[in-house]
Amino acid sequence: MSAGSGTRAIIAALAANAGIAVAKFVGFLFTGSSSMLAESVHSLADTSNQGLLLLGKKRAQREATPEHPFGYGRDRFFYSFVVALLLFTLGAVFSLYEGVHKVLEPAPITSPIVAIVILGVAVLLESYSFRTAIHESRDLKGDRSWWRFIREATEPELPVVLLEDFGALIGLVLALLGVGLTMLTGNGIWDGIGTVGIGLLLGAIAVVLIIEMKSLLIGEGADPTTVRLITEALEAGRVERVLHLRTQYLSPDELLVAAKIALTPALRLEDVAQAIDDAEQRIRAAVPAAHLIYLEPDLDRTKPASR
């Protein structure tokens, strides 16, 4: 995944959420609906989150320094982790607090039609943003399920935007139900229940993102398919066997490969160097993301010694 990949989805989500946040705040001022207020804060948090994702992509492009010799690619993981924390604190916690308060002290909604119209427009804008994120993710997803893509993707931005947009759409439906039932029954408790539902939804999404981003931040290795491709690329030419292999993503599109390999016995020093160079070329051809490769030649001590 290139540094610019996924930027379109982030910008689409940023533009949609910024407009939606303003509209929802206006709707809250007209209606006093806690569901509208929760959704307003949700959209404001999402807008801030997309800004952080863009900042993370920008900072990750900095050149390596002596202090950070492997570069700053993990900035993208860090800012995505911050996004998950903000979604939990600004979105989930605030919505739960506001919802519980409204359930305990129900209040009527004024001008509910205004809220319904604003929420309906928000559904259309969020649907456009969600559709853009799906389109941007489809090639990277391959034949995996969407859940597997979110769990296994090393590109943090697209899973974050996908889950945020999905959560926003479900949250809007909950807000519509809360406002609609309050309007039909005249009981403001439904507005509070809808707000609690939004808080629980955002909390669940935030926890999933926190777990996935933490895993990437502390260092994830390549998936089994990529490990198999690397092993097959290594075990050719004068490389008899891979004795030890470790991988780790330094950024979404930069994989570190370190391996101890058994070479054909009795090679000259020049042949050993050439065998290692050839092995590195084969790895890069099979796995383009393998930018940093460290190979250590060794003896295969599992084979019986020759007499």
Protein backbone atom coordinates (compact mmCIF):
# COMPACT_ATOMS: atom_id res chain seq x y z
CA MET A 1 0.00 0.00 0.00
CA SER A 2 1.47 3.32 -1.02
CA ALA A 3 1.51 6.35 1.22
CA GLY A 4 -1.29 7.93 -0.78
CA SER A 5 -3.53 4.88 -0.74
CA GLY A 6 -6.69 5.35 1.31
CA THR A 7 -6.35 9.15 1.39
CA ARG A 8 -9.47 9.56 -0.74
CA ALA A 9 -11.54 7.61 1.78
CA ILE A 10 -10.17 9.69 4.67
CA ILE A 11 -10.88 12.99 2.89
CA ALA A 12 -14.40 11.86 1.95
CA ALA A 13 -15.08 10.91 5.59
CA LEU A 14 -13.56 14.18 6.84
CA ALA A 15 -15.74 16.31 4.55
CA ALA A 16 -18.90 14.33 5.31
CA ASN A 17 -18.41 14.31 9.08
CA ALA A 18 -17.53 18.01 9.27
CA GLY A 19 -20.76 18.97 7.49
CA ILE A 20 -22.80 16.45 9.45
CA ALA A 21 -21.40 17.64 12.80
CA VAL A 22 -22.47 21.22 12.11
CA ALA A 23 -25.93 20.14 10.98
CA LYS A 24 -26.42 17.90 14.02
CA PHE A 25 -25.39 20.62 16.45
CA VAL A 26 -27.88 22.98 14.84
CA GLY A 27 -30.50 20.23 15.08
CA PHE A 28 -29.73 19.75 18.77
CA LEU A 29 -30.17 23.47 19.44
CA PHE A 30 -33.61 23.32 17.79
CA THR A 31 -34.80 20.05 19.34
CA GLY A 32 -32.94 19.49 22.62
CA SER A 33 -32.62 15.80 21.67
CA SER A 34 -29.88 13.92 23.54
CA SER A 35 -29.61 11.53 20.58
CA MET A 36 -28.84 14.51 18.35
CA LEU A 37 -26.27 15.79 20.84
CA ALA A 38 -24.61 12.36 21.07
CA GLU A 39 -24.50 12.10 17.29
CA SER A 40 -23.11 15.64 17.09
CA VAL A 41 -20.23 14.75 19.40
CA HIS A 42 -19.79 11.47 17.50
CA SER A 43 -19.42 13.34 14.18
CA LEU A 44 -17.11 15.91 15.77
CA ALA A 45 -14.92 13.08 17.10
CA ASP A 46 -14.91 11.41 13.67
CA THR A 47 -13.90 14.68 12.01
CA SER A 48 -11.00 15.07 14.43
CA ASN A 49 -10.08 11.44 13.87
CA GLN A 50 -9.81 11.80 10.10
CA GLY A 51 -7.59 14.85 10.61
CA LEU A 52 -5.33 12.73 12.85
CA LEU A 53 -5.19 9.95 10.24
CA LEU A 54 -4.05 12.44 7.60
CA LEU A 55 -1.47 13.85 10.02
CA GLY A 56 -0.19 10.33 10.73
CA LYS A 57 0.22 9.58 7.02
CA LYS A 58 2.11 12.84 6.55
CA ARG A 59 4.48 12.33 9.50
CA ALA A 60 5.16 8.72 8.51
CA GLN A 61 6.81 9.96 5.31
CA ARG A 62 9.71 11.58 7.17
CA GLU A 63 13.19 10.31 6.33
CA ALA A 64 14.99 7.96 8.70
CA THR A 65 17.37 9.54 11.20
CA PRO A 66 20.22 8.15 13.37
CA GLU A 67 17.79 8.23 16.29
CA HIS A 68 15.10 6.39 14.27
CA PRO A 69 17.10 4.35 11.73
CA PHE A 70 14.05 2.39 10.58
CA GLY A 71 12.08 5.56 9.81
CA TYR A 72 8.76 6.85 11.08
CA GLY A 73 6.34 4.45 9.39
CA ARG A 74 4.79 3.43 12.71
CA ASP A 75 3.45 6.96 13.15
CA ARG A 76 0.48 5.71 11.14
CA PHE A 77 -0.16 3.01 13.75
CA PHE A 78 0.28 5.50 16.61
CA TYR A 79 -2.18 8.07 15.27
CA SER A 80 -4.71 5.34 14.48
CA PHE A 81 -4.40 4.18 18.10
CA VAL A 82 -5.05 7.76 19.28
CA VAL A 83 -8.12 7.82 17.01
CA ALA A 84 -9.47 4.71 18.74
CA LEU A 85 -8.93 6.30 22.16
CA LEU A 86 -10.71 9.50 21.09
CA LEU A 87 -13.62 7.50 19.68
CA PHE A 88 -13.96 5.79 23.06
CA THR A 89 -13.65 8.91 25.24
CA LEU A 90 -15.34 11.59 23.13
CA GLY A 91 -17.89 9.33 21.51
CA ALA A 92 -18.77 6.37 23.72
CA VAL A 93 -18.30 7.80 27.21
CA PHE A 94 -20.05 11.08 26.44
CA SER A 95 -22.99 9.31 24.73
CA LEU A 96 -23.43 6.91 27.64
CA TYR A 97 -23.35 9.75 30.16
CA GLU A 98 -25.85 11.83 28.19
CA GLY A 99 -28.09 8.83 27.52
CA VAL A 100 -28.27 7.68 31.14
CA HIS A 101 -29.01 11.26 32.23
CA LYS A 102 -31.87 11.45 29.69
CA VAL A 103 -33.29 8.06 30.75
CA LEU A 104 -33.30 9.12 34.40
CA GLU A 105 -34.72 12.56 33.62
CA PRO A 106 -36.75 12.29 30.36
CA ALA A 107 -37.49 15.53 28.56
CA PRO A 108 -39.64 16.19 25.49
CA ILE A 109 -38.15 16.94 22.09
CA THR A 110 -39.11 20.18 20.38
CA SER A 111 -39.35 20.25 16.57
CA PRO A 112 -38.65 16.51 16.11
CA ILE A 113 -39.25 16.84 12.35
CA VAL A 114 -36.11 19.01 12.14
CA ALA A 115 -34.11 16.25 13.81
CA ILE A 116 -35.48 13.58 11.48
CA VAL A 117 -34.69 15.64 8.37
CA ILE A 118 -31.12 16.34 9.54
CA LEU A 119 -30.55 12.71 10.47
CA GLY A 120 -31.92 11.59 7.09
CA VAL A 121 -29.49 13.88 5.24
CA ALA A 122 -26.69 12.62 7.50
CA VAL A 123 -27.52 9.04 6.50
CA LEU A 124 -27.05 9.96 2.83
CA LEU A 125 -23.70 11.68 3.46
CA GLU A 126 -22.40 8.87 5.66
CA SER A 127 -23.50 6.33 3.05
CA TYR A 128 -21.37 8.15 0.46
CA SER A 129 -18.39 8.15 2.80
CA PHE A 130 -18.89 4.45 3.64
CA ARG A 131 -19.20 3.56 -0.06
CA THR A 132 -15.93 5.39 -0.79
CA ALA A 133 -14.14 3.51 2.01
CA ILE A 134 -15.46 0.18 0.69
CA HIS A 135 -14.31 1.02 -2.84
CA GLU A 136 -10.84 2.02 -1.61
CA SER A 137 -10.54 -1.17 0.47
CA ARG A 138 -11.80 -3.71 -2.04
CA ASP A 139 -8.48 -4.43 -3.79
CA LEU A 140 -6.62 -4.78 -0.48
CA LYS A 141 -9.39 -6.97 0.95
CA GLY A 142 -9.12 -9.56 -1.83
CA ASP A 143 -11.19 -12.66 -1.14
CA ARG A 144 -11.12 -12.18 2.64
CA SER A 145 -14.27 -11.38 4.58
CA TRP A 146 -14.61 -7.79 5.77
CA TRP A 147 -14.07 -8.90 9.38
CA ARG A 148 -10.86 -10.73 8.44
CA PHE A 149 -9.70 -7.68 6.49
CA ILE A 150 -10.19 -5.45 9.54
CA ARG A 151 -8.45 -7.99 11.81
CA GLU A 152 -5.50 -8.70 9.47
CA ALA A 153 -4.91 -5.43 7.60
CA THR A 154 -1.59 -3.73 8.24
CA GLU A 155 -2.92 -0.50 6.73
CA PRO A 156 -4.59 1.17 9.73
CA GLU A 157 -6.48 4.01 8.02
CA LEU A 158 -8.97 2.04 5.94
CA PRO A 159 -10.14 -0.29 8.74
CA VAL A 160 -10.54 2.76 11.00
CA VAL A 161 -12.60 4.66 8.43
CA LEU A 162 -14.67 1.57 7.59
CA LEU A 163 -15.58 0.92 11.21
CA GLU A 164 -16.20 4.60 11.93
CA ASP A 165 -18.52 4.97 8.94
CA PHE A 166 -20.30 1.71 9.74
CA GLY A 167 -20.74 2.83 13.34
CA ALA A 168 -21.96 6.24 12.19
CA LEU A 169 -24.66 4.69 10.00
CA ILE A 170 -25.89 2.38 12.76
CA GLY A 171 -25.72 5.29 15.22
CA LEU A 172 -27.88 7.39 12.91
CA VAL A 173 -30.46 4.61 12.74
CA LEU A 174 -30.49 4.43 16.56
CA ALA A 175 -30.88 8.21 16.76
CA LEU A 176 -33.76 8.10 14.26
CA LEU A 177 -35.44 5.37 16.30
CA GLY A 178 -34.96 7.33 19.53
CA VAL A 179 -36.36 10.56 18.08
CA GLY A 180 -39.15 8.75 16.19
CA LEU A 181 -40.36 6.77 19.19
CA THR A 182 -40.21 9.87 21.37
CA MET A 183 -42.31 11.73 18.82
CA LEU A 184 -44.84 8.88 18.58
CA THR A 185 -45.15 8.18 22.32
CA GLY A 186 -44.42 11.60 23.75
CA ASN A 187 -42.02 9.90 26.18
CA GLY A 188 -38.48 11.32 26.16
CA ILE A 189 -37.06 8.11 27.64
CA TRP A 190 -36.81 6.65 24.12
CA ASP A 191 -34.46 9.45 23.14
CA GLY A 192 -32.27 8.51 26.11
CA ILE A 193 -32.36 4.80 25.22
CA GLY A 194 -31.29 5.64 21.67
CA THR A 195 -28.40 7.67 23.06
CA VAL A 196 -27.28 4.80 25.32
CA GLY A 197 -27.39 2.51 22.29
CA ILE A 198 -25.12 4.90 20.39
CA GLY A 199 -22.68 4.94 23.32
CA LEU A 200 -22.55 1.13 23.54
CA LEU A 201 -22.03 0.86 19.78
CA LEU A 202 -19.17 3.37 19.78
CA GLY A 203 -17.60 1.67 22.79
CA ALA A 204 -17.61 -1.71 21.03
CA ILE A 205 -16.06 -0.26 17.85
CA ALA A 206 -13.45 1.65 19.85
CA VAL A 207 -12.41 -1.48 21.76
CA VAL A 208 -11.96 -3.44 18.51
CA LEU A 209 -9.84 -0.64 17.05
CA ILE A 210 -7.77 -0.26 20.23
CA ILE A 211 -6.95 -3.98 20.22
CA GLU A 212 -6.02 -4.03 16.51
CA MET A 213 -4.00 -0.80 16.55
CA LYS A 214 -2.14 -1.86 19.72
CA SER A 215 -1.11 -5.08 17.99
CA LEU A 216 0.28 -3.14 15.01
CA LEU A 217 1.94 -0.55 17.23
CA ILE A 218 3.94 -3.04 19.29
CA GLY A 219 4.94 -4.96 16.16
CA GLU A 220 3.13 -7.51 13.98
CA GLY A 221 4.75 -10.15 11.83
CA ALA A 222 3.72 -11.15 8.34
CA ASP A 223 0.71 -13.42 7.84
CA PRO A 224 1.26 -17.15 7.16
CA THR A 225 0.83 -16.74 3.39
CA THR A 226 3.53 -14.06 3.22
CA VAL A 227 5.84 -16.13 5.45
CA ARG A 228 5.37 -19.09 3.10
CA LEU A 229 6.21 -16.94 0.05
CA ILE A 230 9.38 -15.67 1.74
CA THR A 231 10.42 -19.20 2.72
CA GLU A 232 9.83 -20.52 -0.79
CA ALA A 233 11.80 -17.62 -2.26
CA LEU A 234 14.70 -18.29 0.11
CA GLU A 235 14.92 -22.04 -0.39
CA ALA A 236 16.31 -21.97 -3.92
CA GLY A 237 19.68 -21.66 -5.58
CA ARG A 238 22.44 -22.26 -3.05
CA VAL A 239 20.13 -21.92 -0.02
CA GLU A 240 19.37 -25.41 1.20
CA ARG A 241 17.03 -24.58 4.07
CA VAL A 242 15.63 -21.75 6.18
CA LEU A 243 16.75 -22.40 9.73
CA HIS A 244 15.12 -19.41 11.42
CA LEU A 245 12.83 -16.67 10.13
CA ARG A 246 11.39 -13.55 11.77
CA THR A 247 9.34 -10.76 10.18
CA GLN A 248 7.90 -7.47 11.44
CA TYR A 249 6.04 -4.58 9.84
CA LEU A 250 7.90 -1.29 10.30
CA SER A 251 5.09 0.49 8.46
CA PRO A 252 2.05 -0.69 6.50
CA ASP A 253 4.15 -1.10 3.35
CA GLU A 254 7.59 -1.88 4.80
CA LEU A 255 8.39 -5.36 6.07
CA LEU A 256 11.55 -6.31 7.94
CA VAL A 257 12.80 -9.84 7.19
CA ALA A 258 15.54 -11.51 9.25
CA ALA A 259 16.54 -15.11 8.59
CA LYS A 260 19.26 -17.62 9.32
CA ILE A 261 19.82 -19.83 6.28
CA ALA A 262 21.78 -23.00 5.55
CA LEU A 263 23.86 -22.67 2.39
CA THR A 264 25.45 -25.31 0.24
CA PRO A 265 28.56 -26.49 2.16
CA ALA A 266 32.14 -25.53 1.21
CA LEU A 267 31.27 -22.33 -0.66
CA ARG A 268 33.88 -19.66 -1.21
CA LEU A 269 33.33 -16.29 0.46
CA GLU A 270 32.46 -14.70 -2.90
CA ASP A 271 29.86 -17.41 -3.54
CA VAL A 272 28.32 -16.91 -0.09
CA ALA A 273 27.92 -13.18 -0.75
CA GLN A 274 26.39 -13.86 -4.16
CA ALA A 275 24.01 -16.46 -2.73
CA ILE A 276 22.77 -13.95 -0.16
CA ASP A 277 22.32 -11.23 -2.81
CA ASP A 278 20.36 -13.65 -5.01
CA ALA A 279 18.17 -14.69 -2.07
CA GLU A 280 17.35 -11.05 -1.27
CA GLN A 281 16.34 -10.44 -4.89
CA ARG A 282 14.04 -13.47 -4.84
CA ILE A 283 12.37 -12.28 -1.61
CA ARG A 284 11.75 -8.79 -2.99
CA ALA A 285 10.31 -10.26 -6.18
CA ALA A 286 7.92 -12.45 -4.20
CA VAL A 287 7.07 -9.88 -1.46
CA PRO A 288 7.62 -6.27 -2.62
CA ALA A 289 6.95 -4.94 0.89
CA ALA A 290 10.14 -6.67 2.12
CA HIS A 291 12.34 -3.57 2.03
CA LEU A 292 14.79 -4.48 4.81
CA ILE A 293 16.31 -7.96 4.63
CA TYR A 294 19.02 -9.38 6.89
CA LEU A 295 20.29 -12.88 6.10
CA GLU A 296 22.78 -14.81 8.21
CA PRO A 297 24.45 -17.90 6.69
CA ASP A 298 24.91 -20.87 9.00
CA LEU A 299 25.34 -24.63 9.03
CA ASP A 300 22.40 -27.01 9.02
CA ARG A 301 23.16 -28.88 12.22
CA THR A 302 20.16 -31.18 11.78
CA LYS A 303 21.99 -33.03 9.00
CA PRO A 304 24.40 -35.81 9.94
CA ALA A 305 28.04 -34.79 9.69
CA SER A 306 29.84 -36.10 6.61
CA ARG A 307 32.67 -38.58 7.22
